[in-house]
Amino acid sequence: MRTGRASALTDTGRRRPHNEDTFVCDPPLFA
């Protein structure tokens, strides 16, 4: 087995003034 397709997406949303989320999409590490 192996890692296939991967995707990551972040959005501020409609009420917060800025985005405090961070993602990592770096196979084999995801966070």
Full PDB file with SEQRES, HELIX, SHEET, SSBOND, CRYST1, ORIGX, SCALE, CONECT and MASTER records, all heavy atoms in Angstrom:
SEQRES   1 A   31  MET ARG THR GLY ARG ALA SER ALA LEU THR ASP THR GLY          
SEQRES   2 A   31  ARG ARG ARG PRO HIS ASN GLU ASP THR PHE VAL CYS ASP          
SEQRES   3 A   31  PRO PRO LEU PHE ALA                                          
SHEET    1 AA1 2 CYS A  25  ASP A  26  0                                        
SHEET    2 AA1 2 LEU A  29  PHE A  30 -1                                        
CRYST1    1.000    1.000    1.000  90.00  90.00  90.00 P 1           1          
ORIGX1      1.000000  0.000000  0.000000        0.00000                         
ORIGX2      0.000000  1.000000  0.000000        0.00000                         
ORIGX3      0.000000  0.000000  1.000000        0.00000                         
SCALE1      1.000000  0.000000  0.000000        0.00000                         
SCALE2      0.000000  1.000000  0.000000        0.00000                         
SCALE3      0.000000  0.000000  1.000000        0.00000                         
ATOM      1  N   MET A   1       0.837  -1.192   0.000  1.00  0.00           N  
ATOM      2  CA  MET A   1       0.000   0.000   0.000  1.00  0.00           C  
ATOM      3  C   MET A   1       0.870   1.239   0.000  1.00  0.00           C  
ATOM      4  O   MET A   1       2.034   1.195   0.401  1.00  0.00           O  
ATOM      5  CB  MET A   1      -0.918   0.039   1.213  1.00  0.00           C  
ATOM      6  CG  MET A   1      -0.210  -0.112   2.555  1.00  0.00           C  
ATOM      7  SD  MET A   1      -0.947   0.828   3.900  1.00  0.00           S  
ATOM      8  CE  MET A   1      -0.073   2.381   3.735  1.00  0.00           C  
ATOM      9  N   ARG A   2       0.298   2.327  -0.460  1.00  0.00           N  
ATOM     10  CA  ARG A   2       1.008   3.602  -0.440  1.00  0.00           C  
ATOM     11  C   ARG A   2       0.001   4.748  -0.398  1.00  0.00           C  
ATOM     12  O   ARG A   2      -1.199   4.546  -0.616  1.00  0.00           O  
ATOM     13  CB  ARG A   2       1.934   3.743  -1.647  1.00  0.00           C  
ATOM     14  CG  ARG A   2       1.230   3.757  -2.991  1.00  0.00           C  
ATOM     15  CD  ARG A   2       2.239   3.766  -4.123  1.00  0.00           C  
ATOM     16  NE  ARG A   2       1.614   3.751  -5.431  1.00  0.00           N  
ATOM     17  CZ  ARG A   2       1.251   4.836  -6.093  1.00  0.00           C  
ATOM     18  NH1 ARG A   2       1.441   6.043  -5.558  1.00  0.00           N  
ATOM     19  NH2 ARG A   2       0.698   4.749  -7.287  1.00  0.00           N  
ATOM     20  N   THR A   3       0.496   5.936  -0.135  1.00  0.00           N  
ATOM     21  CA  THR A   3      -0.355   7.122  -0.115  1.00  0.00           C  
ATOM     22  C   THR A   3      -0.676   7.551  -1.537  1.00  0.00           C  
ATOM     23  O   THR A   3       0.220   7.624  -2.387  1.00  0.00           O  
ATOM     24  CB  THR A   3       0.352   8.269   0.629  1.00  0.00           C  
ATOM     25  OG1 THR A   3       0.749   7.821   1.916  1.00  0.00           O  
ATOM     26  CG2 THR A   3      -0.569   9.460   0.778  1.00  0.00           C  
ATOM     27  N   GLY A   4      -1.932   7.817  -1.797  1.00  0.00           N  
ATOM     28  CA  GLY A   4      -2.355   8.252  -3.122  1.00  0.00           C  
ATOM     29  C   GLY A   4      -2.560   9.754  -3.186  1.00  0.00           C  
ATOM     30  O   GLY A   4      -1.722  10.535  -2.721  1.00  0.00           O  
ATOM     31  N   ARG A   5      -3.692  10.172  -3.735  1.00  0.00           N  
ATOM     32  CA  ARG A   5      -3.967  11.603  -3.889  1.00  0.00           C  
ATOM     33  C   ARG A   5      -4.151  12.261  -2.521  1.00  0.00           C  
ATOM     34  O   ARG A   5      -4.635  11.634  -1.578  1.00  0.00           O  
ATOM     35  CB  ARG A   5      -5.225  11.804  -4.723  1.00  0.00           C  
ATOM     36  CG  ARG A   5      -5.130  11.299  -6.147  1.00  0.00           C  
ATOM     37  CD  ARG A   5      -6.484  11.356  -6.828  1.00  0.00           C  
ATOM     38  NE  ARG A   5      -7.449  10.484  -6.185  1.00  0.00           N  
ATOM     39  CZ  ARG A   5      -8.741  10.407  -6.512  1.00  0.00           C  
ATOM     40  NH1 ARG A   5      -9.217  11.193  -7.463  1.00  0.00           N  
ATOM     41  NH2 ARG A   5      -9.552   9.582  -5.878  1.00  0.00           N  
ATOM     42  N   ALA A   6      -3.760  13.513  -2.448  1.00  0.00           N  
ATOM     43  CA  ALA A   6      -3.910  14.280  -1.207  1.00  0.00           C  
ATOM     44  C   ALA A   6      -4.255  15.718  -1.554  1.00  0.00           C  
ATOM     45  O   ALA A   6      -3.877  16.231  -2.611  1.00  0.00           O  
ATOM     46  CB  ALA A   6      -2.636  14.230  -0.377  1.00  0.00           C  
ATOM     47  N   SER A   7      -4.988  16.368  -0.665  1.00  0.00           N  
ATOM     48  CA  SER A   7      -5.369  17.758  -0.887  1.00  0.00           C  
ATOM     49  C   SER A   7      -5.619  18.430   0.455  1.00  0.00           C  
ATOM     50  O   SER A   7      -5.993  17.770   1.430  1.00  0.00           O  
ATOM     51  CB  SER A   7      -6.628  17.843  -1.752  1.00  0.00           C  
ATOM     52  OG  SER A   7      -6.936  19.183  -2.090  1.00  0.00           O  
ATOM     53  N   ALA A   8      -5.410  19.721   0.509  1.00  0.00           N  
ATOM     54  CA  ALA A   8      -5.662  20.492   1.727  1.00  0.00           C  
ATOM     55  C   ALA A   8      -6.228  21.850   1.349  1.00  0.00           C  
ATOM     56  O   ALA A   8      -5.864  22.430   0.325  1.00  0.00           O  
ATOM     57  CB  ALA A   8      -4.383  20.666   2.532  1.00  0.00           C  
ATOM     58  N   LEU A   9      -7.118  22.337   2.188  1.00  0.00           N  
ATOM     59  CA  LEU A   9      -7.795  23.600   1.907  1.00  0.00           C  
ATOM     60  C   LEU A   9      -8.116  24.304   3.212  1.00  0.00           C  
ATOM     61  O   LEU A   9      -8.567  23.667   4.169  1.00  0.00           O  
ATOM     62  CB  LEU A   9      -9.083  23.320   1.128  1.00  0.00           C  
ATOM     63  CG  LEU A   9      -9.915  24.502   0.641  1.00  0.00           C  
ATOM     64  CD1 LEU A   9      -9.135  25.337  -0.356  1.00  0.00           C  
ATOM     65  CD2 LEU A   9     -11.198  23.997  -0.005  1.00  0.00           C  
ATOM     66  N   THR A  10      -7.857  25.592   3.275  1.00  0.00           N  
ATOM     67  CA  THR A  10      -8.210  26.376   4.464  1.00  0.00           C  
ATOM     68  C   THR A  10      -8.947  27.635   4.044  1.00  0.00           C  
ATOM     69  O   THR A  10      -8.697  28.189   2.972  1.00  0.00           O  
ATOM     70  CB  THR A  10      -6.957  26.723   5.292  1.00  0.00           C  
ATOM     71  OG1 THR A  10      -7.358  27.291   6.547  1.00  0.00           O  
ATOM     72  CG2 THR A  10      -6.035  27.693   4.578  1.00  0.00           C  
ATOM     73  N   ASP A  11      -9.863  28.073   4.908  1.00  0.00           N  
ATOM     74  CA  ASP A  11     -10.681  29.242   4.612  1.00  0.00           C  
ATOM     75  C   ASP A  11     -10.956  29.994   5.903  1.00  0.00           C  
ATOM     76  O   ASP A  11     -11.162  29.387   6.956  1.00  0.00           O  
ATOM     77  CB  ASP A  11     -11.998  28.809   3.960  1.00  0.00           C  
ATOM     78  CG  ASP A  11     -12.812  29.998   3.465  1.00  0.00           C  
ATOM     79  OD1 ASP A  11     -12.383  30.616   2.480  1.00  0.00           O  
ATOM     80  OD2 ASP A  11     -13.849  30.305   4.064  1.00  0.00           O  
ATOM     81  N   THR A  12     -10.967  31.310   5.833  1.00  0.00           N  
ATOM     82  CA  THR A  12     -11.185  32.127   7.019  1.00  0.00           C  
ATOM     83  C   THR A  12     -12.585  31.963   7.589  1.00  0.00           C  
ATOM     84  O   THR A  12     -12.804  32.102   8.796  1.00  0.00           O  
ATOM     85  CB  THR A  12     -10.941  33.619   6.689  1.00  0.00           C  
ATOM     86  OG1 THR A  12      -9.647  33.756   6.123  1.00  0.00           O  
ATOM     87  CG2 THR A  12     -11.041  34.478   7.928  1.00  0.00           C  
ATOM     88  N   GLY A  13     -13.560  31.631   6.724  1.00  0.00           N  
ATOM     89  CA  GLY A  13     -14.940  31.589   7.161  1.00  0.00           C  
ATOM     90  C   GLY A  13     -15.600  32.940   6.977  1.00  0.00           C  
ATOM     91  O   GLY A  13     -15.020  33.861   6.398  1.00  0.00           O  
ATOM     92  N   ARG A  14     -16.789  33.097   7.490  1.00  0.00           N  
ATOM     93  CA  ARG A  14     -17.560  34.309   7.243  1.00  0.00           C  
ATOM     94  C   ARG A  14     -17.644  35.261   8.437  1.00  0.00           C  
ATOM     95  O   ARG A  14     -18.193  36.348   8.299  1.00  0.00           O  
ATOM     96  CB  ARG A  14     -18.978  33.931   6.795  1.00  0.00           C  
ATOM     97  CG  ARG A  14     -18.993  33.114   5.513  1.00  0.00           C  
ATOM     98  CD  ARG A  14     -20.398  32.902   5.000  1.00  0.00           C  
ATOM     99  NE  ARG A  14     -20.405  32.104   3.775  1.00  0.00           N  
ATOM    100  CZ  ARG A  14     -20.192  32.577   2.564  1.00  0.00           C  
ATOM    101  NH1 ARG A  14     -19.928  33.866   2.396  1.00  0.00           N  
ATOM    102  NH2 ARG A  14     -20.222  31.786   1.506  1.00  0.00           N  
ATOM    103  N   ARG A  15     -17.107  34.854   9.576  1.00  0.00           N  
ATOM    104  CA  ARG A  15     -17.258  35.712  10.753  1.00  0.00           C  
ATOM    105  C   ARG A  15     -15.941  36.122  11.394  1.00  0.00           C  
ATOM    106  O   ARG A  15     -15.898  37.131  12.094  1.00  0.00           O  
ATOM    107  CB  ARG A  15     -18.130  35.008  11.804  1.00  0.00           C  
ATOM    108  CG  ARG A  15     -19.536  34.714  11.324  1.00  0.00           C  
ATOM    109  CD  ARG A  15     -20.425  34.270  12.462  1.00  0.00           C  
ATOM    110  NE  ARG A  15     -21.737  33.830  12.007  1.00  0.00           N  
ATOM    111  CZ  ARG A  15     -22.687  33.375  12.798  1.00  0.00           C  
ATOM    112  NH1 ARG A  15     -22.480  33.293  14.109  1.00  0.00           N  
ATOM    113  NH2 ARG A  15     -23.841  32.980  12.301  1.00  0.00           N  
ATOM    114  N   ARG A  16     -14.885  35.353  11.191  1.00  0.00           N  
ATOM    115  CA  ARG A  16     -13.611  35.683  11.815  1.00  0.00           C  
ATOM    116  C   ARG A  16     -12.831  36.680  10.958  1.00  0.00           C  
ATOM    117  O   ARG A  16     -12.846  36.583   9.720  1.00  0.00           O  
ATOM    118  CB  ARG A  16     -12.775  34.417  12.023  1.00  0.00           C  
ATOM    119  CG  ARG A  16     -13.391  33.421  13.008  1.00  0.00           C  
ATOM    120  CD  ARG A  16     -13.467  34.027  14.410  1.00  0.00           C  
ATOM    121  NE  ARG A  16     -14.088  33.113  15.364  1.00  0.00           N  
ATOM    122  CZ  ARG A  16     -13.424  32.247  16.116  1.00  0.00           C  
ATOM    123  NH1 ARG A  16     -12.114  32.161  16.004  1.00  0.00           N  
ATOM    124  NH2 ARG A  16     -14.063  31.471  16.961  1.00  0.00           N  
ATOM    125  N   PRO A  17     -12.118  37.622  11.585  1.00  0.00           N  
ATOM    126  CA  PRO A  17     -11.376  38.614  10.803  1.00  0.00           C  
ATOM    127  C   PRO A  17     -10.126  38.050  10.148  1.00  0.00           C  
ATOM    128  O   PRO A  17      -9.635  38.608   9.167  1.00  0.00           O  
ATOM    129  CB  PRO A  17     -11.016  39.687  11.839  1.00  0.00           C  
ATOM    130  CG  PRO A  17     -11.001  38.949  13.143  1.00  0.00           C  
ATOM    131  CD  PRO A  17     -12.075  37.912  13.037  1.00  0.00           C  
ATOM    132  N   HIS A  18      -9.564  36.975  10.677  1.00  0.00           N  
ATOM    133  CA  HIS A  18      -8.384  36.378  10.074  1.00  0.00           C  
ATOM    134  C   HIS A  18      -8.331  34.888  10.413  1.00  0.00           C  
ATOM    135  O   HIS A  18      -9.107  34.403  11.233  1.00  0.00           O  
ATOM    136  CB  HIS A  18      -7.106  37.081  10.525  1.00  0.00           C  
ATOM    137  CG  HIS A  18      -6.878  37.028  12.006  1.00  0.00           C  
ATOM    138  ND1 HIS A  18      -7.482  37.909  12.884  1.00  0.00           N  
ATOM    139  CD2 HIS A  18      -6.134  36.189  12.775  1.00  0.00           C  
ATOM    140  CE1 HIS A  18      -7.108  37.621  14.120  1.00  0.00           C  
ATOM    141  NE2 HIS A  18      -6.299  36.573  14.081  1.00  0.00           N  
ATOM    142  N   ASN A  19      -7.400  34.201   9.775  1.00  0.00           N  
ATOM    143  CA  ASN A  19      -7.321  32.747   9.878  1.00  0.00           C  
ATOM    144  C   ASN A  19      -6.190  32.342  10.810  1.00  0.00           C  
ATOM    145  O   ASN A  19      -5.042  32.710  10.591  1.00  0.00           O  
ATOM    146  CB  ASN A  19      -7.095  32.145   8.480  1.00  0.00           C  
ATOM    147  CG  ASN A  19      -7.434  30.676   8.421  1.00  0.00           C  
ATOM    148  OD1 ASN A  19      -7.417  29.974   9.423  1.00  0.00           O  
ATOM    149  ND2 ASN A  19      -7.731  30.200   7.220  1.00  0.00           N  
ATOM    150  N   GLU A  20      -6.516  31.575  11.850  1.00  0.00           N  
ATOM    151  CA  GLU A  20      -5.511  31.097  12.793  1.00  0.00           C  
ATOM    152  C   GLU A  20      -5.184  29.620  12.578  1.00  0.00           C  
ATOM    153  O   GLU A  20      -4.457  29.025  13.368  1.00  0.00           O  
ATOM    154  CB  GLU A  20      -5.985  31.325  14.236  1.00  0.00           C  
ATOM    155  CG  GLU A  20      -6.158  32.794  14.581  1.00  0.00           C  
ATOM    156  CD  GLU A  20      -6.562  33.024  16.026  1.00  0.00           C  
ATOM    157  OE1 GLU A  20      -6.724  32.040  16.769  1.00  0.00           O  
ATOM    158  OE2 GLU A  20      -6.712  34.196  16.410  1.00  0.00           O  
ATOM    159  N   ASP A  21      -5.718  29.028  11.511  1.00  0.00           N  
ATOM    160  CA  ASP A  21      -5.432  27.634  11.198  1.00  0.00           C  
ATOM    161  C   ASP A  21      -4.169  27.523  10.343  1.00  0.00           C  
ATOM    162  O   ASP A  21      -3.865  28.413   9.540  1.00  0.00           O  
ATOM    163  CB  ASP A  21      -6.580  27.003  10.411  1.00  0.00           C  
ATOM    164  CG  ASP A  21      -7.815  26.753  11.259  1.00  0.00           C  
ATOM    165  OD1 ASP A  21      -7.781  27.058  12.474  1.00  0.00           O  
ATOM    166  OD2 ASP A  21      -8.813  26.262  10.708  1.00  0.00           O  
ATOM    167  N   THR A  22      -3.474  26.414  10.492  1.00  0.00           N  
ATOM    168  CA  THR A  22      -2.357  26.057   9.625  1.00  0.00           C  
ATOM    169  C   THR A  22      -2.481  24.578   9.289  1.00  0.00           C  
ATOM    170  O   THR A  22      -2.896  23.801  10.134  1.00  0.00           O  
ATOM    171  CB  THR A  22      -1.003  26.311  10.310  1.00  0.00           C  
ATOM    172  OG1 THR A  22      -0.927  27.667  10.734  1.00  0.00           O  
ATOM    173  CG2 THR A  22       0.164  26.030   9.369  1.00  0.00           C  
ATOM    174  N   PHE A  23      -2.127  24.201   8.067  1.00  0.00           N  
ATOM    175  CA  PHE A  23      -2.143  22.782   7.740  1.00  0.00           C  
ATOM    176  C   PHE A  23      -0.787  22.343   7.210  1.00  0.00           C  
ATOM    177  O   PHE A  23       0.005  23.151   6.737  1.00  0.00           O  
ATOM    178  CB  PHE A  23      -3.250  22.443   6.731  1.00  0.00           C  
ATOM    179  CG  PHE A  23      -3.090  23.051   5.357  1.00  0.00           C  
ATOM    180  CD1 PHE A  23      -2.158  22.569   4.456  1.00  0.00           C  
ATOM    181  CD2 PHE A  23      -3.900  24.097   4.955  1.00  0.00           C  
ATOM    182  CE1 PHE A  23      -2.019  23.116   3.192  1.00  0.00           C  
ATOM    183  CE2 PHE A  23      -3.788  24.660   3.693  1.00  0.00           C  
ATOM    184  CZ  PHE A  23      -2.838  24.162   2.807  1.00  0.00           C  
ATOM    185  N   VAL A  24      -0.536  21.064   7.286  1.00  0.00           N  
ATOM    186  CA  VAL A  24       0.622  20.443   6.662  1.00  0.00           C  
ATOM    187  C   VAL A  24       0.103  19.326   5.770  1.00  0.00           C  
ATOM    188  O   VAL A  24      -0.649  18.459   6.219  1.00  0.00           O  
ATOM    189  CB  VAL A  24       1.609  19.874   7.694  1.00  0.00           C  
ATOM    190  CG1 VAL A  24       2.761  19.150   7.000  1.00  0.00           C  
ATOM    191  CG2 VAL A  24       2.161  20.980   8.594  1.00  0.00           C  
ATOM    192  N   CYS A  25       0.476  19.370   4.508  1.00  0.00           N  
ATOM    193  CA  CYS A  25       0.111  18.333   3.550  1.00  0.00           C  
ATOM    194  C   CYS A  25       1.390  17.923   2.841  1.00  0.00           C  
ATOM    195  O   CYS A  25       1.706  18.383   1.745  1.00  0.00           O  
ATOM    196  CB  CYS A  25      -0.936  18.870   2.570  1.00  0.00           C  
ATOM    197  SG  CYS A  25      -1.618  17.630   1.443  1.00  0.00           S  
ATOM    198  N   ASP A  26       2.162  17.076   3.501  1.00  0.00           N  
ATOM    199  CA  ASP A  26       3.514  16.731   3.072  1.00  0.00           C  
ATOM    200  C   ASP A  26       3.695  15.226   3.229  1.00  0.00           C  
ATOM    201  O   ASP A  26       4.280  14.762   4.197  1.00  0.00           O  
ATOM    202  CB  ASP A  26       4.529  17.501   3.934  1.00  0.00           C  
ATOM    203  CG  ASP A  26       5.959  17.330   3.456  1.00  0.00           C  
ATOM    204  OD1 ASP A  26       6.165  16.673   2.423  1.00  0.00           O  
ATOM    205  OD2 ASP A  26       6.869  17.844   4.127  1.00  0.00           O  
ATOM    206  N   PRO A  27       3.136  14.424   2.292  1.00  0.00           N  
ATOM    207  CA  PRO A  27       3.171  12.969   2.449  1.00  0.00           C  
ATOM    208  C   PRO A  27       4.569  12.454   2.821  1.00  0.00           C  
ATOM    209  O   PRO A  27       5.547  12.904   2.223  1.00  0.00           O  
ATOM    210  CB  PRO A  27       2.760  12.461   1.067  1.00  0.00           C  
ATOM    211  CG  PRO A  27       1.964  13.592   0.474  1.00  0.00           C  
ATOM    212  CD  PRO A  27       2.579  14.845   1.013  1.00  0.00           C  
ATOM    213  N   PRO A  28       4.655  11.615   3.847  1.00  0.00           N  
ATOM    214  CA  PRO A  28       3.581  10.880   4.517  1.00  0.00           C  
ATOM    215  C   PRO A  28       3.024  11.576   5.764  1.00  0.00           C  
ATOM    216  O   PRO A  28       2.361  10.939   6.575  1.00  0.00           O  
ATOM    217  CB  PRO A  28       4.288   9.586   4.929  1.00  0.00           C  
ATOM    218  CG  PRO A  28       5.675  10.039   5.268  1.00  0.00           C  
ATOM    219  CD  PRO A  28       5.987  11.121   4.266  1.00  0.00           C  
ATOM    220  N   LEU A  29       3.265  12.888   5.909  1.00  0.00           N  
ATOM    221  CA  LEU A  29       2.841  13.619   7.101  1.00  0.00           C  
ATOM    222  C   LEU A  29       1.702  14.572   6.755  1.00  0.00           C  
ATOM    223  O   LEU A  29       1.799  15.348   5.796  1.00  0.00           O  
ATOM    224  CB  LEU A  29       4.020  14.417   7.673  1.00  0.00           C  
ATOM    225  CG  LEU A  29       3.768  15.201   8.956  1.00  0.00           C  
ATOM    226  CD1 LEU A  29       3.580  14.245  10.128  1.00  0.00           C  
ATOM    227  CD2 LEU A  29       4.915  16.154   9.232  1.00  0.00           C  
ATOM    228  N   PHE A  30       0.643  14.500   7.556  1.00  0.00           N  
ATOM    229  CA  PHE A  30      -0.531  15.347   7.332  1.00  0.00           C  
ATOM    230  C   PHE A  30      -0.995  15.881   8.689  1.00  0.00           C  
ATOM    231  O   PHE A  30      -1.031  15.134   9.671  1.00  0.00           O  
ATOM    232  CB  PHE A  30      -1.661  14.553   6.686  1.00  0.00           C  
ATOM    233  CG  PHE A  30      -1.260  13.861   5.414  1.00  0.00           C  
ATOM    234  CD1 PHE A  30      -0.758  12.563   5.442  1.00  0.00           C  
ATOM    235  CD2 PHE A  30      -1.372  14.503   4.189  1.00  0.00           C  
ATOM    236  CE1 PHE A  30      -0.378  11.917   4.270  1.00  0.00           C  
ATOM    237  CE2 PHE A  30      -1.001  13.864   3.010  1.00  0.00           C  
ATOM    238  CZ  PHE A  30      -0.499  12.565   3.058  1.00  0.00           C  
ATOM    239  N   ALA A  31      -1.373  17.158   8.743  1.00  0.00           N  
ATOM    240  CA  ALA A  31      -1.752  17.726  10.038  1.00  0.00           C  
ATOM    241  C   ALA A  31      -2.618  18.958   9.876  1.00  0.00           C  
ATOM    242  O   ALA A  31      -2.581  19.646   8.843  1.00  0.00           O  
ATOM    243  CB  ALA A  31      -0.503  18.089  10.845  1.00  0.00           C  
TER     244      ALA A  31                                                      
MASTER        0    0    0    0    2    0    0    6  243    1    0    3          
END                                                                             
